[in-house]
Amino acid sequence: MGAWIEMIPEAEATGILREMYDQAQTPHGTVDNVMKAHSLRPHTMQGHIALYKSVLHHPDISMPLWFLEVIASYTSIKNNCEYSLTHHFMNARRLMNDDARADDVYAALQSGEPQRMFSGKELALLEYAAKLTVQVGSMEKADIDALHKANCNDGEILEVNQVVAYFNYSNRLLNGLGVTTQGDAVGYYK
């Protein structure tokens, strides 16, 4: 079982669901459970695919992808979403291509002490991601001012904002439906 609700297997998908599964296919040639969870309402998968690809797989992204995957992972830690953390920290690890550093980054994020591994712009963006996730109602202009002071430009702020917003959506989808990684090829990158 990969979720608390029915997920239509790939072999049984027809029509629009088949089309959505084809669009959601990973480089591993599989469809992850995060997308299969939409199978009873494939029109929602269409929006999910578009949003996901726009925040993490668009050619116009300017932030380093490994760092956006770290942002995704930290958001998922704050939401206690094991599914996204498992997938997206594997992506960060593969993109960092340094297992010792990845282990140290993971430990710092898990302990809520990103300052052990990050400083400057990166630390400011991680702090922004944490507040946007767990204290969204107390966000204020001063939060953006702090990012500007850390030399973040508005495009970088928007990119991180969108990753955090996407993962808050996705984490709630996953945790709310009990979606697991059972049967998934973990991580997007080979």
N, C-alpha and C. Protein backbone atom coordinates (compact mmCIF):
# COMPACT_ATOMS: atom_id res chain seq x y z
N MET A 1 0.84 -1.19 0.00
CA MET A 1 0.00 0.00 0.00
C MET A 1 0.88 1.25 0.00
N GLY A 2 0.67 2.15 -0.93
CA GLY A 2 1.46 3.35 -1.02
C GLY A 2 0.75 4.60 -0.53
N ALA A 3 -0.52 4.45 -0.09
CA ALA A 3 -1.29 5.59 0.42
C ALA A 3 -2.53 5.06 1.13
N TRP A 4 -3.19 5.96 1.86
CA TRP A 4 -4.42 5.59 2.56
C TRP A 4 -5.64 5.61 1.65
N ILE A 5 -5.47 6.12 0.43
CA ILE A 5 -6.56 6.11 -0.54
C ILE A 5 -6.11 5.28 -1.75
N GLU A 6 -7.08 4.93 -2.58
CA GLU A 6 -6.79 4.15 -3.79
C GLU A 6 -5.90 4.95 -4.74
N MET A 7 -4.92 4.27 -5.32
CA MET A 7 -4.10 4.85 -6.38
C MET A 7 -4.17 3.88 -7.56
N ILE A 8 -4.54 4.38 -8.70
CA ILE A 8 -4.67 3.52 -9.88
C ILE A 8 -3.28 3.16 -10.40
N PRO A 9 -3.00 1.85 -10.52
CA PRO A 9 -1.68 1.43 -11.02
C PRO A 9 -1.44 1.91 -12.45
N GLU A 10 -0.17 2.11 -12.77
CA GLU A 10 0.19 2.57 -14.11
C GLU A 10 -0.36 1.65 -15.20
N ALA A 11 -0.32 0.36 -14.97
CA ALA A 11 -0.77 -0.61 -15.97
C ALA A 11 -2.27 -0.49 -16.26
N GLU A 12 -3.03 0.10 -15.34
CA GLU A 12 -4.48 0.23 -15.52
C GLU A 12 -4.89 1.63 -15.98
N ALA A 13 -3.93 2.51 -16.18
CA ALA A 13 -4.24 3.90 -16.54
C ALA A 13 -4.63 4.00 -18.01
N THR A 14 -5.71 4.74 -18.25
CA THR A 14 -6.18 5.00 -19.62
C THR A 14 -6.54 6.47 -19.74
N GLY A 15 -6.73 6.92 -20.96
CA GLY A 15 -7.22 8.27 -21.21
C GLY A 15 -6.33 9.35 -20.62
N ILE A 16 -6.97 10.34 -19.99
CA ILE A 16 -6.23 11.48 -19.44
C ILE A 16 -5.27 11.03 -18.34
N LEU A 17 -5.65 10.01 -17.57
CA LEU A 17 -4.74 9.52 -16.53
C LEU A 17 -3.47 8.96 -17.17
N ARG A 18 -3.60 8.22 -18.25
CA ARG A 18 -2.41 7.70 -18.95
C ARG A 18 -1.54 8.86 -19.41
N GLU A 19 -2.17 9.91 -19.96
CA GLU A 19 -1.42 11.08 -20.41
C GLU A 19 -0.68 11.74 -19.24
N MET A 20 -1.35 11.87 -18.12
CA MET A 20 -0.74 12.50 -16.94
C MET A 20 0.41 11.64 -16.41
N TYR A 21 0.21 10.33 -16.36
CA TYR A 21 1.29 9.45 -15.92
C TYR A 21 2.50 9.58 -16.85
N ASP A 22 2.25 9.70 -18.14
CA ASP A 22 3.37 9.88 -19.09
C ASP A 22 4.11 11.18 -18.81
N GLN A 23 3.37 12.25 -18.49
CA GLN A 23 4.00 13.54 -18.17
C GLN A 23 4.75 13.50 -16.84
N ALA A 24 4.27 12.67 -15.91
CA ALA A 24 4.85 12.61 -14.57
C ALA A 24 6.02 11.64 -14.47
N GLN A 25 6.30 10.94 -15.52
CA GLN A 25 7.37 9.94 -15.48
C GLN A 25 8.73 10.57 -15.13
N THR A 26 9.44 9.93 -14.21
CA THR A 26 10.75 10.40 -13.78
C THR A 26 11.82 9.91 -14.75
N PRO A 27 13.05 10.40 -14.63
CA PRO A 27 14.14 9.88 -15.46
C PRO A 27 14.37 8.38 -15.25
N HIS A 28 13.86 7.83 -14.14
CA HIS A 28 13.98 6.39 -13.89
C HIS A 28 12.95 5.59 -14.70
N GLY A 29 12.02 6.29 -15.36
CA GLY A 29 10.97 5.62 -16.12
C GLY A 29 9.80 5.18 -15.25
N THR A 30 9.66 5.78 -14.08
CA THR A 30 8.59 5.41 -13.15
C THR A 30 7.74 6.64 -12.84
N VAL A 31 6.59 6.39 -12.23
CA VAL A 31 5.73 7.46 -11.73
C VAL A 31 5.70 7.32 -10.22
N ASP A 32 6.13 8.37 -9.53
CA ASP A 32 6.19 8.32 -8.07
C ASP A 32 4.79 8.42 -7.46
N ASN A 33 4.68 7.90 -6.24
CA ASN A 33 3.40 7.89 -5.53
C ASN A 33 2.85 9.29 -5.29
N VAL A 34 3.71 10.31 -5.19
CA VAL A 34 3.22 11.67 -5.01
C VAL A 34 2.29 12.06 -6.16
N MET A 35 2.55 11.55 -7.35
CA MET A 35 1.68 11.82 -8.50
C MET A 35 0.54 10.81 -8.57
N LYS A 36 0.83 9.55 -8.27
CA LYS A 36 -0.23 8.54 -8.29
C LYS A 36 -1.35 8.85 -7.30
N ALA A 37 -1.04 9.60 -6.25
CA ALA A 37 -2.06 9.96 -5.27
C ALA A 37 -3.18 10.78 -5.92
N HIS A 38 -2.92 11.40 -7.06
CA HIS A 38 -3.92 12.19 -7.79
C HIS A 38 -4.74 11.34 -8.75
N SER A 39 -4.47 10.05 -8.85
CA SER A 39 -5.00 9.26 -9.95
C SER A 39 -6.52 9.23 -10.06
N LEU A 40 -7.23 9.41 -8.96
CA LEU A 40 -8.69 9.42 -9.03
C LEU A 40 -9.23 10.74 -9.58
N ARG A 41 -8.38 11.78 -9.59
CA ARG A 41 -8.72 13.10 -10.15
C ARG A 41 -7.52 13.62 -10.93
N PRO A 42 -7.28 13.06 -12.13
CA PRO A 42 -6.06 13.38 -12.87
C PRO A 42 -5.88 14.87 -13.20
N HIS A 43 -6.96 15.64 -13.24
CA HIS A 43 -6.82 17.07 -13.52
C HIS A 43 -6.00 17.76 -12.43
N THR A 44 -6.04 17.23 -11.20
CA THR A 44 -5.22 17.83 -10.14
C THR A 44 -3.74 17.47 -10.33
N MET A 45 -3.48 16.31 -10.92
CA MET A 45 -2.10 15.93 -11.21
C MET A 45 -1.50 16.87 -12.25
N GLN A 46 -2.30 17.29 -13.20
CA GLN A 46 -1.81 18.18 -14.24
C GLN A 46 -1.25 19.47 -13.64
N GLY A 47 -1.98 20.08 -12.71
CA GLY A 47 -1.49 21.28 -12.05
C GLY A 47 -0.27 21.02 -11.20
N HIS A 48 -0.26 19.88 -10.52
CA HIS A 48 0.87 19.52 -9.67
C HIS A 48 2.14 19.36 -10.49
N ILE A 49 2.04 18.67 -11.60
CA ILE A 49 3.20 18.47 -12.48
C ILE A 49 3.75 19.82 -12.95
N ALA A 50 2.86 20.69 -13.40
CA ALA A 50 3.29 22.00 -13.91
C ALA A 50 3.99 22.81 -12.82
N LEU A 51 3.42 22.83 -11.62
CA LEU A 51 4.03 23.58 -10.53
C LEU A 51 5.39 22.99 -10.15
N TYR A 52 5.45 21.68 -9.98
CA TYR A 52 6.69 21.01 -9.61
C TYR A 52 7.81 21.32 -10.62
N LYS A 53 7.50 21.15 -11.87
CA LYS A 53 8.53 21.38 -12.90
C LYS A 53 8.94 22.84 -12.97
N SER A 54 8.03 23.75 -12.68
CA SER A 54 8.37 25.17 -12.76
C SER A 54 9.28 25.61 -11.62
N VAL A 55 9.17 24.97 -10.45
CA VAL A 55 9.99 25.42 -9.31
C VAL A 55 11.31 24.67 -9.17
N LEU A 56 11.42 23.47 -9.75
CA LEU A 56 12.67 22.71 -9.59
C LEU A 56 13.31 22.22 -10.89
N HIS A 57 12.61 22.33 -12.00
CA HIS A 57 13.18 21.78 -13.24
C HIS A 57 12.99 22.70 -14.44
N HIS A 58 12.99 23.99 -14.20
CA HIS A 58 12.83 24.95 -15.30
C HIS A 58 14.21 25.49 -15.69
N PRO A 59 14.46 25.67 -16.97
CA PRO A 59 15.79 26.15 -17.39
C PRO A 59 16.12 27.57 -16.94
N ASP A 60 15.13 28.36 -16.54
CA ASP A 60 15.40 29.74 -16.14
C ASP A 60 15.68 29.90 -14.64
N ILE A 61 15.72 28.81 -13.90
CA ILE A 61 16.05 28.89 -12.47
C ILE A 61 17.49 29.39 -12.34
N SER A 62 17.71 30.35 -11.44
CA SER A 62 19.06 30.91 -11.27
C SER A 62 19.78 30.36 -10.05
N MET A 63 19.05 29.93 -9.04
CA MET A 63 19.67 29.40 -7.82
C MET A 63 20.25 28.01 -8.12
N PRO A 64 21.33 27.63 -7.43
CA PRO A 64 21.87 26.27 -7.63
C PRO A 64 20.82 25.22 -7.25
N LEU A 65 20.65 24.24 -8.10
CA LEU A 65 19.62 23.21 -7.86
C LEU A 65 19.87 22.45 -6.56
N TRP A 66 21.15 22.20 -6.22
CA TRP A 66 21.41 21.47 -4.98
C TRP A 66 20.87 22.27 -3.80
N PHE A 67 20.97 23.62 -3.86
CA PHE A 67 20.51 24.43 -2.75
C PHE A 67 18.98 24.47 -2.71
N LEU A 68 18.33 24.54 -3.86
CA LEU A 68 16.86 24.48 -3.87
C LEU A 68 16.37 23.15 -3.32
N GLU A 69 17.11 22.07 -3.57
CA GLU A 69 16.74 20.77 -2.99
C GLU A 69 16.95 20.77 -1.47
N VAL A 70 17.95 21.51 -0.99
CA VAL A 70 18.15 21.67 0.45
C VAL A 70 16.98 22.46 1.04
N ILE A 71 16.55 23.51 0.36
CA ILE A 71 15.38 24.28 0.80
C ILE A 71 14.16 23.36 0.87
N ALA A 72 13.97 22.55 -0.17
CA ALA A 72 12.85 21.59 -0.18
C ALA A 72 12.94 20.64 1.00
N SER A 73 14.13 20.16 1.28
CA SER A 73 14.34 19.23 2.39
C SER A 73 14.07 19.88 3.73
N TYR A 74 14.53 21.12 3.90
CA TYR A 74 14.33 21.82 5.18
C TYR A 74 12.84 22.10 5.40
N THR A 75 12.15 22.49 4.35
CA THR A 75 10.70 22.68 4.44
C THR A 75 10.02 21.38 4.85
N SER A 76 10.45 20.28 4.25
CA SER A 76 9.86 18.97 4.56
C SER A 76 10.18 18.52 5.97
N ILE A 77 11.37 18.86 6.47
CA ILE A 77 11.71 18.56 7.87
C ILE A 77 10.77 19.34 8.78
N LYS A 78 10.59 20.62 8.50
CA LYS A 78 9.72 21.46 9.34
C LYS A 78 8.28 20.94 9.34
N ASN A 79 7.86 20.31 8.24
CA ASN A 79 6.51 19.74 8.14
C ASN A 79 6.45 18.27 8.54
N ASN A 80 7.58 17.71 8.94
CA ASN A 80 7.64 16.29 9.28
C ASN A 80 7.10 15.41 8.14
N CYS A 81 7.53 15.74 6.92
CA CYS A 81 7.10 14.97 5.74
C CYS A 81 8.26 14.08 5.29
N GLU A 82 8.21 12.85 5.76
CA GLU A 82 9.28 11.90 5.46
C GLU A 82 9.38 11.60 3.96
N TYR A 83 8.24 11.55 3.28
CA TYR A 83 8.23 11.25 1.85
C TYR A 83 9.08 12.26 1.08
N SER A 84 8.76 13.55 1.21
CA SER A 84 9.50 14.57 0.45
C SER A 84 10.94 14.65 0.91
N LEU A 85 11.16 14.52 2.21
CA LEU A 85 12.53 14.57 2.71
C LEU A 85 13.36 13.44 2.10
N THR A 86 12.81 12.25 2.07
CA THR A 86 13.53 11.09 1.51
C THR A 86 13.92 11.35 0.06
N HIS A 87 12.95 11.79 -0.74
CA HIS A 87 13.22 12.03 -2.16
C HIS A 87 14.16 13.22 -2.37
N HIS A 88 13.87 14.32 -1.71
CA HIS A 88 14.56 15.55 -2.08
C HIS A 88 15.92 15.70 -1.41
N PHE A 89 16.11 15.07 -0.26
CA PHE A 89 17.48 15.10 0.22
C PHE A 89 18.36 14.16 -0.59
N MET A 90 17.79 13.09 -1.12
CA MET A 90 18.56 12.24 -2.05
C MET A 90 18.97 13.07 -3.27
N ASN A 91 18.07 13.92 -3.76
CA ASN A 91 18.42 14.80 -4.88
C ASN A 91 19.55 15.75 -4.48
N ALA A 92 19.43 16.37 -3.31
CA ALA A 92 20.48 17.29 -2.84
C ALA A 92 21.81 16.56 -2.74
N ARG A 93 21.78 15.37 -2.17
CA ARG A 93 23.01 14.56 -2.01
C ARG A 93 23.66 14.30 -3.37
N ARG A 94 22.85 13.87 -4.34
CA ARG A 94 23.39 13.56 -5.66
C ARG A 94 23.95 14.81 -6.34
N LEU A 95 23.26 15.93 -6.19
CA LEU A 95 23.72 17.17 -6.82
C LEU A 95 24.95 17.75 -6.12
N MET A 96 25.06 17.57 -4.79
CA MET A 96 26.25 18.03 -4.06
C MET A 96 27.46 17.19 -4.43
N ASN A 97 27.23 15.92 -4.69
CA ASN A 97 28.30 14.99 -5.06
C ASN A 97 29.44 14.98 -4.03
N ASP A 98 29.06 15.03 -2.75
CA ASP A 98 30.02 15.01 -1.65
C ASP A 98 29.28 14.44 -0.44
N ASP A 99 29.40 13.12 -0.26
CA ASP A 99 28.62 12.44 0.78
C ASP A 99 28.91 12.95 2.18
N ALA A 100 30.16 13.25 2.48
CA ALA A 100 30.49 13.73 3.83
C ALA A 100 29.81 15.08 4.08
N ARG A 101 29.88 15.97 3.11
CA ARG A 101 29.21 17.28 3.26
C ARG A 101 27.70 17.09 3.35
N ALA A 102 27.16 16.22 2.51
CA ALA A 102 25.71 15.97 2.53
C ALA A 102 25.28 15.45 3.90
N ASP A 103 26.06 14.55 4.48
CA ASP A 103 25.74 14.03 5.82
C ASP A 103 25.73 15.16 6.85
N ASP A 104 26.70 16.05 6.77
CA ASP A 104 26.78 17.18 7.70
C ASP A 104 25.61 18.16 7.49
N VAL A 105 25.26 18.41 6.25
CA VAL A 105 24.12 19.29 5.95
C VAL A 105 22.84 18.67 6.49
N TYR A 106 22.66 17.39 6.25
CA TYR A 106 21.46 16.69 6.73
C TYR A 106 21.35 16.79 8.25
N ALA A 107 22.44 16.54 8.95
CA ALA A 107 22.44 16.60 10.41
C ALA A 107 22.12 18.02 10.90
N ALA A 108 22.67 19.02 10.25
CA ALA A 108 22.40 20.41 10.64
C ALA A 108 20.94 20.77 10.42
N LEU A 109 20.36 20.35 9.30
CA LEU A 109 18.96 20.63 9.03
C LEU A 109 18.06 19.90 10.02
N GLN A 110 18.36 18.63 10.26
CA GLN A 110 17.54 17.84 11.18
C GLN A 110 17.55 18.42 12.59
N SER A 111 18.67 18.98 13.00
CA SER A 111 18.77 19.54 14.35
C SER A 111 18.21 20.96 14.43
N GLY A 112 17.80 21.52 13.28
CA GLY A 112 17.29 22.89 13.26
C GLY A 112 18.39 23.92 13.42
N GLU A 113 19.62 23.54 13.05
CA GLU A 113 20.77 24.42 13.18
C GLU A 113 21.49 24.58 11.84
N PRO A 114 20.81 25.15 10.86
CA PRO A 114 21.45 25.28 9.55
C PRO A 114 22.71 26.15 9.59
N GLN A 115 22.84 26.99 10.61
CA GLN A 115 24.02 27.86 10.75
C GLN A 115 25.30 27.04 10.94
N ARG A 116 25.17 25.76 11.28
CA ARG A 116 26.37 24.91 11.39
C ARG A 116 27.01 24.68 10.03
N MET A 117 26.23 24.74 8.96
CA MET A 117 26.75 24.45 7.62
C MET A 117 26.58 25.61 6.62
N PHE A 118 25.78 26.59 6.98
CA PHE A 118 25.48 27.66 6.04
C PHE A 118 25.70 29.01 6.69
N SER A 119 25.97 30.00 5.87
CA SER A 119 26.11 31.38 6.34
C SER A 119 25.61 32.30 5.24
N GLY A 120 25.61 33.59 5.53
CA GLY A 120 25.28 34.59 4.52
C GLY A 120 23.94 34.36 3.86
N LYS A 121 23.93 34.52 2.55
CA LYS A 121 22.71 34.42 1.75
C LYS A 121 22.01 33.08 1.96
N GLU A 122 22.76 32.00 1.92
CA GLU A 122 22.14 30.68 2.05
C GLU A 122 21.45 30.52 3.41
N LEU A 123 22.12 30.95 4.48
CA LEU A 123 21.51 30.84 5.81
C LEU A 123 20.26 31.72 5.89
N ALA A 124 20.33 32.92 5.36
CA ALA A 124 19.17 33.81 5.40
C ALA A 124 17.98 33.19 4.67
N LEU A 125 18.23 32.55 3.55
CA LEU A 125 17.16 31.91 2.78
C LEU A 125 16.60 30.70 3.52
N LEU A 126 17.45 29.94 4.19
CA LEU A 126 16.96 28.81 4.99
C LEU A 126 16.10 29.29 6.16
N GLU A 127 16.51 30.37 6.80
CA GLU A 127 15.72 30.92 7.90
C GLU A 127 14.37 31.43 7.39
N TYR A 128 14.38 32.06 6.22
CA TYR A 128 13.14 32.52 5.59
C TYR A 128 12.23 31.32 5.31
N ALA A 129 12.80 30.25 4.76
CA ALA A 129 12.02 29.05 4.44
C ALA A 129 11.37 28.47 5.70
N ALA A 130 12.13 28.42 6.79
CA ALA A 130 11.59 27.87 8.04
C ALA A 130 10.43 28.73 8.54
N LYS A 131 10.63 30.05 8.55
CA LYS A 131 9.55 30.92 9.06
C LYS A 131 8.33 30.85 8.15
N LEU A 132 8.53 30.84 6.84
CA LEU A 132 7.41 30.78 5.91
C LEU A 132 6.62 29.48 6.09
N THR A 133 7.30 28.43 6.53
CA THR A 133 6.65 27.14 6.72
C THR A 133 5.91 27.05 8.06
N VAL A 134 6.54 27.48 9.13
CA VAL A 134 5.94 27.25 10.46
C VAL A 134 5.32 28.49 11.10
N GLN A 135 5.57 29.67 10.53
CA GLN A 135 5.01 30.90 11.09
C GLN A 135 4.48 31.81 9.98
N VAL A 136 3.82 31.23 9.02
CA VAL A 136 3.40 31.98 7.83
C VAL A 136 2.58 33.22 8.19
N GLY A 137 1.78 33.15 9.23
CA GLY A 137 0.95 34.28 9.62
C GLY A 137 1.72 35.46 10.19
N SER A 138 2.98 35.26 10.52
CA SER A 138 3.77 36.36 11.09
C SER A 138 4.82 36.89 10.11
N MET A 139 4.70 36.52 8.83
CA MET A 139 5.62 37.06 7.83
C MET A 139 5.38 38.56 7.69
N GLU A 140 6.46 39.32 7.49
CA GLU A 140 6.37 40.77 7.35
C GLU A 140 7.46 41.27 6.41
N LYS A 141 7.35 42.50 6.03
CA LYS A 141 8.32 43.09 5.10
C LYS A 141 9.74 42.96 5.63
N ALA A 142 9.91 43.02 6.94
CA ALA A 142 11.25 42.90 7.53
C ALA A 142 11.92 41.58 7.15
N ASP A 143 11.13 40.54 6.89
CA ASP A 143 11.71 39.27 6.47
C ASP A 143 12.37 39.39 5.10
N ILE A 144 11.75 40.12 4.21
CA ILE A 144 12.33 40.35 2.88
C ILE A 144 13.50 41.33 3.00
N ASP A 145 13.36 42.33 3.85
CA ASP A 145 14.46 43.28 4.07
C ASP A 145 15.72 42.55 4.54
N ALA A 146 15.54 41.56 5.41
CA ALA A 146 16.68 40.78 5.90
C ALA A 146 17.34 40.00 4.77
N LEU A 147 16.54 39.51 3.84
CA LEU A 147 17.10 38.80 2.68
C LEU A 147 17.87 39.76 1.78
N HIS A 148 17.32 40.93 1.57
CA HIS A 148 18.05 41.95 0.78
C HIS A 148 19.37 42.29 1.45
N LYS A 149 19.35 42.44 2.76
CA LYS A 149 20.58 42.76 3.50
C LYS A 149 21.62 41.65 3.36
N ALA A 150 21.15 40.40 3.17
CA ALA A 150 22.05 39.26 2.99
C ALA A 150 22.45 39.09 1.52
N ASN A 151 22.16 40.11 0.69
CA ASN A 151 22.53 40.14 -0.73
C ASN A 151 21.72 39.19 -1.61
N CYS A 152 20.50 38.90 -1.21
CA CYS A 152 19.59 38.13 -2.08
C CYS A 152 18.88 39.13 -3.00
N ASN A 153 18.80 38.78 -4.26
CA ASN A 153 18.02 39.62 -5.16
C ASN A 153 16.58 39.11 -5.19
N ASP A 154 15.69 39.91 -5.73
CA ASP A 154 14.26 39.56 -5.71
C ASP A 154 13.95 38.28 -6.48
N GLY A 155 14.68 38.03 -7.56
CA GLY A 155 14.48 36.78 -8.31
C GLY A 155 14.83 35.57 -7.47
N GLU A 156 15.94 35.64 -6.74
CA GLU A 156 16.34 34.54 -5.85
C GLU A 156 15.32 34.34 -4.73
N ILE A 157 14.84 35.44 -4.18
CA ILE A 157 13.83 35.35 -3.13
C ILE A 157 12.57 34.68 -3.66
N LEU A 158 12.15 35.07 -4.85
CA LEU A 158 10.96 34.47 -5.46
C LEU A 158 11.16 32.98 -5.70
N GLU A 159 12.33 32.60 -6.22
CA GLU A 159 12.58 31.17 -6.46
C GLU A 159 12.47 30.37 -5.18
N VAL A 160 13.09 30.84 -4.10
CA VAL A 160 13.03 30.13 -2.83
C VAL A 160 11.60 30.15 -2.29
N ASN A 161 10.92 31.28 -2.39
CA ASN A 161 9.52 31.37 -1.96
C ASN A 161 8.67 30.31 -2.66
N GLN A 162 8.87 30.15 -3.95
CA GLN A 162 8.06 29.21 -4.70
C GLN A 162 8.38 27.75 -4.35
N VAL A 163 9.64 27.45 -4.08
CA VAL A 163 9.99 26.10 -3.63
C VAL A 163 9.33 25.81 -2.29
N VAL A 164 9.42 26.77 -1.37
CA VAL A 164 8.81 26.59 -0.05
C VAL A 164 7.29 26.44 -0.19
N ALA A 165 6.66 27.30 -0.97
CA ALA A 165 5.21 27.22 -1.16
C ALA A 165 4.82 25.88 -1.77
N TYR A 166 5.55 25.45 -2.79
CA TYR A 166 5.25 24.16 -3.41
C TYR A 166 5.37 23.02 -2.40
N PHE A 167 6.45 23.01 -1.63
CA PHE A 167 6.63 21.90 -0.70
C PHE A 167 5.64 21.94 0.46
N ASN A 168 5.18 23.11 0.85
CA ASN A 168 4.12 23.15 1.85
C ASN A 168 2.84 22.53 1.28
N TYR A 169 2.55 22.79 0.02
CA TYR A 169 1.41 22.14 -0.66
C TYR A 169 1.63 20.62 -0.73
N SER A 170 2.77 20.24 -1.28
CA SER A 170 3.04 18.82 -1.49
C SER A 170 3.12 18.04 -0.17
N ASN A 171 3.76 18.62 0.84
CA ASN A 171 3.86 17.95 2.14
C ASN A 171 2.48 17.67 2.71
N ARG A 172 1.56 18.60 2.53
CA ARG A 172 0.20 18.41 3.04
C ARG A 172 -0.55 17.35 2.25
N LEU A 173 -0.34 17.33 0.94
CA LEU A 173 -0.92 16.26 0.12
C LEU A 173 -0.42 14.90 0.61
N LEU A 174 0.89 14.78 0.77
CA LEU A 174 1.51 13.51 1.13
C LEU A 174 1.14 13.07 2.54
N ASN A 175 1.31 13.94 3.52
CA ASN A 175 1.00 13.58 4.90
C ASN A 175 -0.49 13.37 5.09
N GLY A 176 -1.31 14.17 4.42
CA GLY A 176 -2.76 14.07 4.58
C GLY A 176 -3.37 12.83 3.99
N LEU A 177 -2.68 12.21 3.03
CA LEU A 177 -3.18 10.99 2.39
C LEU A 177 -2.34 9.76 2.75
N GLY A 178 -1.35 9.93 3.62
CA GLY A 178 -0.53 8.80 4.04
C GLY A 178 0.30 8.20 2.92
N VAL A 179 0.77 9.02 2.01
CA VAL A 179 1.54 8.53 0.86
C VAL A 179 2.94 8.12 1.33
N THR A 180 3.37 6.93 0.89
CA THR A 180 4.69 6.41 1.24
C THR A 180 5.55 6.28 -0.02
N THR A 181 6.82 6.03 0.20
CA THR A 181 7.75 5.81 -0.92
C THR A 181 7.73 4.36 -1.41
N GLN A 182 6.87 3.54 -0.87
CA GLN A 182 6.80 2.13 -1.27
C GLN A 182 6.61 2.01 -2.78
N GLY A 183 7.57 1.41 -3.44
CA GLY A 183 7.52 1.22 -4.88
C GLY A 183 8.15 2.35 -5.69
N ASP A 184 8.50 3.46 -5.05
CA ASP A 184 9.14 4.58 -5.75
C ASP A 184 10.62 4.30 -5.99
N ALA A 185 11.17 4.86 -7.05
CA ALA A 185 12.62 4.95 -7.21
C ALA A 185 12.99 6.27 -6.53
N VAL A 186 13.68 6.21 -5.40
CA VAL A 186 13.90 7.40 -4.57
C VAL A 186 14.85 8.37 -5.24
N GLY A 187 14.41 9.64 -5.31
CA GLY A 187 15.22 10.69 -5.93
C GLY A 187 14.89 10.84 -7.40
N TYR A 188 15.00 12.06 -7.87
CA TYR A 188 14.68 12.36 -9.27
C TYR A 188 15.86 12.04 -10.18
N TYR A 189 17.05 12.33 -9.71
CA TYR A 189 18.24 12.17 -10.55
C TYR A 189 18.80 10.76 -10.43
N LYS A 190 19.32 10.25 -11.54
CA LYS A 190 19.93 8.92 -11.51
C LYS A 190 21.32 9.01 -10.91
